[in-house]
Amino acid sequence: MATLRIDLEKCIKAGECYYNHPTLFKVGKDGFPVVLIEKLDTAALREEGQAAADVCPSAAIHYDD
């Protein structure tokens, strides 16, 4: 099962994750993204998780398959 996580030390709060992938992320009170679904158990969620990792400008999103 694929997993999704964010390295908050790398994150620059660009918002690409929660603007483009609101199923997987939301913005936290501190402005950092929060992962809503860590275990990606469907093909659609895995595809979306990989796309989110690919678009992150600071490479803070880690998608592990």
C-alpha atoms as a PDB file:
ATOM      1  CA  MET A   1       0.000   0.000   0.000  1.00  0.00           C
ATOM      2  CA  ALA A   2       1.340   3.432  -0.928  1.00  0.00           C
ATOM      3  CA  THR A   3       1.854   6.081   1.722  1.00  0.00           C
ATOM      4  CA  LEU A   4       1.993   9.845   1.660  1.00  0.00           C
ATOM      5  CA  ARG A   5       3.810  12.211   4.001  1.00  0.00           C
ATOM      6  CA  ILE A   6       5.157  15.766   4.111  1.00  0.00           C
ATOM      7  CA  ASP A   7       8.578  16.924   5.240  1.00  0.00           C
ATOM      8  CA  LEU A   8       7.608  20.168   6.985  1.00  0.00           C
ATOM      9  CA  GLU A   9      11.235  21.289   7.151  1.00  0.00           C
ATOM     10  CA  LYS A  10      11.346  21.349   3.327  1.00  0.00           C
ATOM     11  CA  CYS A  11       7.837  22.761   2.853  1.00  0.00           C
ATOM     12  CA  ILE A  12       7.670  26.374   1.633  1.00  0.00           C
ATOM     13  CA  LYS A  13       3.868  26.646   2.024  1.00  0.00           C
ATOM     14  CA  ALA A  14       3.297  27.112  -1.706  1.00  0.00           C
ATOM     15  CA  GLY A  15      -0.107  25.438  -1.405  1.00  0.00           C
ATOM     16  CA  GLU A  16       0.130  23.402  -4.597  1.00  0.00           C
ATOM     17  CA  CYS A  17      -0.843  20.285  -2.657  1.00  0.00           C
ATOM     18  CA  TYR A  18      -4.029  21.492  -1.009  1.00  0.00           C
ATOM     19  CA  TYR A  19      -5.133  23.704  -3.924  1.00  0.00           C
ATOM     20  CA  ASN A  20      -4.685  20.958  -6.515  1.00  0.00           C
ATOM     21  CA  HIS A  21      -5.323  17.871  -4.371  1.00  0.00           C
ATOM     22  CA  PRO A  22      -7.947  18.737  -1.727  1.00  0.00           C
ATOM     23  CA  THR A  23      -8.859  15.071  -1.372  1.00  0.00           C
ATOM     24  CA  LEU A  24      -5.414  14.381   0.086  1.00  0.00           C
ATOM     25  CA  PHE A  25      -4.430  17.658   1.799  1.00  0.00           C
ATOM     26  CA  LYS A  26      -5.818  20.634   3.668  1.00  0.00           C
ATOM     27  CA  VAL A  27      -4.150  23.762   4.967  1.00  0.00           C
ATOM     28  CA  GLY A  28      -3.435  23.733   8.679  1.00  0.00           C
ATOM     29  CA  LYS A  29      -3.850  26.654  11.067  1.00  0.00           C
ATOM     30  CA  ASP A  30      -0.105  27.315  10.809  1.00  0.00           C
ATOM     31  CA  GLY A  31      -0.237  27.495   7.006  1.00  0.00           C
ATOM     32  CA  PHE A  32       1.456  24.142   6.518  1.00  0.00           C
ATOM     33  CA  PRO A  33      -0.372  21.379   4.656  1.00  0.00           C
ATOM     34  CA  VAL A  34      -1.922  18.492   6.558  1.00  0.00           C
ATOM     35  CA  VAL A  35      -2.193  15.030   4.987  1.00  0.00           C
ATOM     36  CA  LEU A  36      -5.802  13.840   5.098  1.00  0.00           C
ATOM     37  CA  ILE A  37      -5.197  10.344   3.719  1.00  0.00           C
ATOM     38  CA  GLU A  38      -1.841   8.745   4.528  1.00  0.00           C
ATOM     39  CA  LYS A  39      -2.580   5.236   3.244  1.00  0.00           C
ATOM     40  CA  LEU A  40      -3.419   5.334  -0.459  1.00  0.00           C
ATOM     41  CA  ASP A  41      -5.318   2.111  -1.028  1.00  0.00           C
ATOM     42  CA  THR A  42      -6.877   2.660  -4.458  1.00  0.00           C
ATOM     43  CA  ALA A  43      -5.366   3.226  -7.882  1.00  0.00           C
ATOM     44  CA  ALA A  44      -6.992   6.671  -8.083  1.00  0.00           C
ATOM     45  CA  LEU A  45      -5.540   7.763  -4.736  1.00  0.00           C
ATOM     46  CA  ARG A  46      -2.099   6.421  -5.662  1.00  0.00           C
ATOM     47  CA  GLU A  47      -2.205   8.340  -8.946  1.00  0.00           C
ATOM     48  CA  GLU A  48      -3.250  11.516  -7.142  1.00  0.00           C
ATOM     49  CA  GLY A  49      -0.560  11.050  -4.486  1.00  0.00           C
ATOM     50  CA  GLN A  50       2.142  10.678  -7.119  1.00  0.00           C
ATOM     51  CA  ALA A  51       0.845  13.750  -8.962  1.00  0.00           C
ATOM     52  CA  ALA A  52       0.937  15.776  -5.732  1.00  0.00           C
ATOM     53  CA  ALA A  53       4.535  14.736  -5.085  1.00  0.00           C
ATOM     54  CA  ASP A  54       5.485  15.617  -8.657  1.00  0.00           C
ATOM     55  CA  VAL A  55       4.009  19.141  -8.457  1.00  0.00           C
ATOM     56  CA  CYS A  56       5.474  20.101  -5.054  1.00  0.00           C
ATOM     57  CA  PRO A  57       7.969  22.927  -5.726  1.00  0.00           C
ATOM     58  CA  SER A  58      10.085  22.114  -2.676  1.00  0.00           C
ATOM     59  CA  ALA A  59       9.970  18.303  -3.009  1.00  0.00           C
ATOM     60  CA  ALA A  60       8.481  18.118   0.504  1.00  0.00           C
ATOM     61  CA  ILE A  61       5.815  15.571  -0.391  1.00  0.00           C
ATOM     62  CA  HIS A  62       6.999  11.988  -0.189  1.00  0.00           C
ATOM     63  CA  TYR A  63       5.031   9.312  -2.010  1.00  0.00           C
ATOM     64  CA  ASP A  64       6.212   5.809  -1.156  1.00  0.00           C
ATOM     65  CA  ASP A  65       4.755   2.959  -3.174  1.00  0.00           C
END
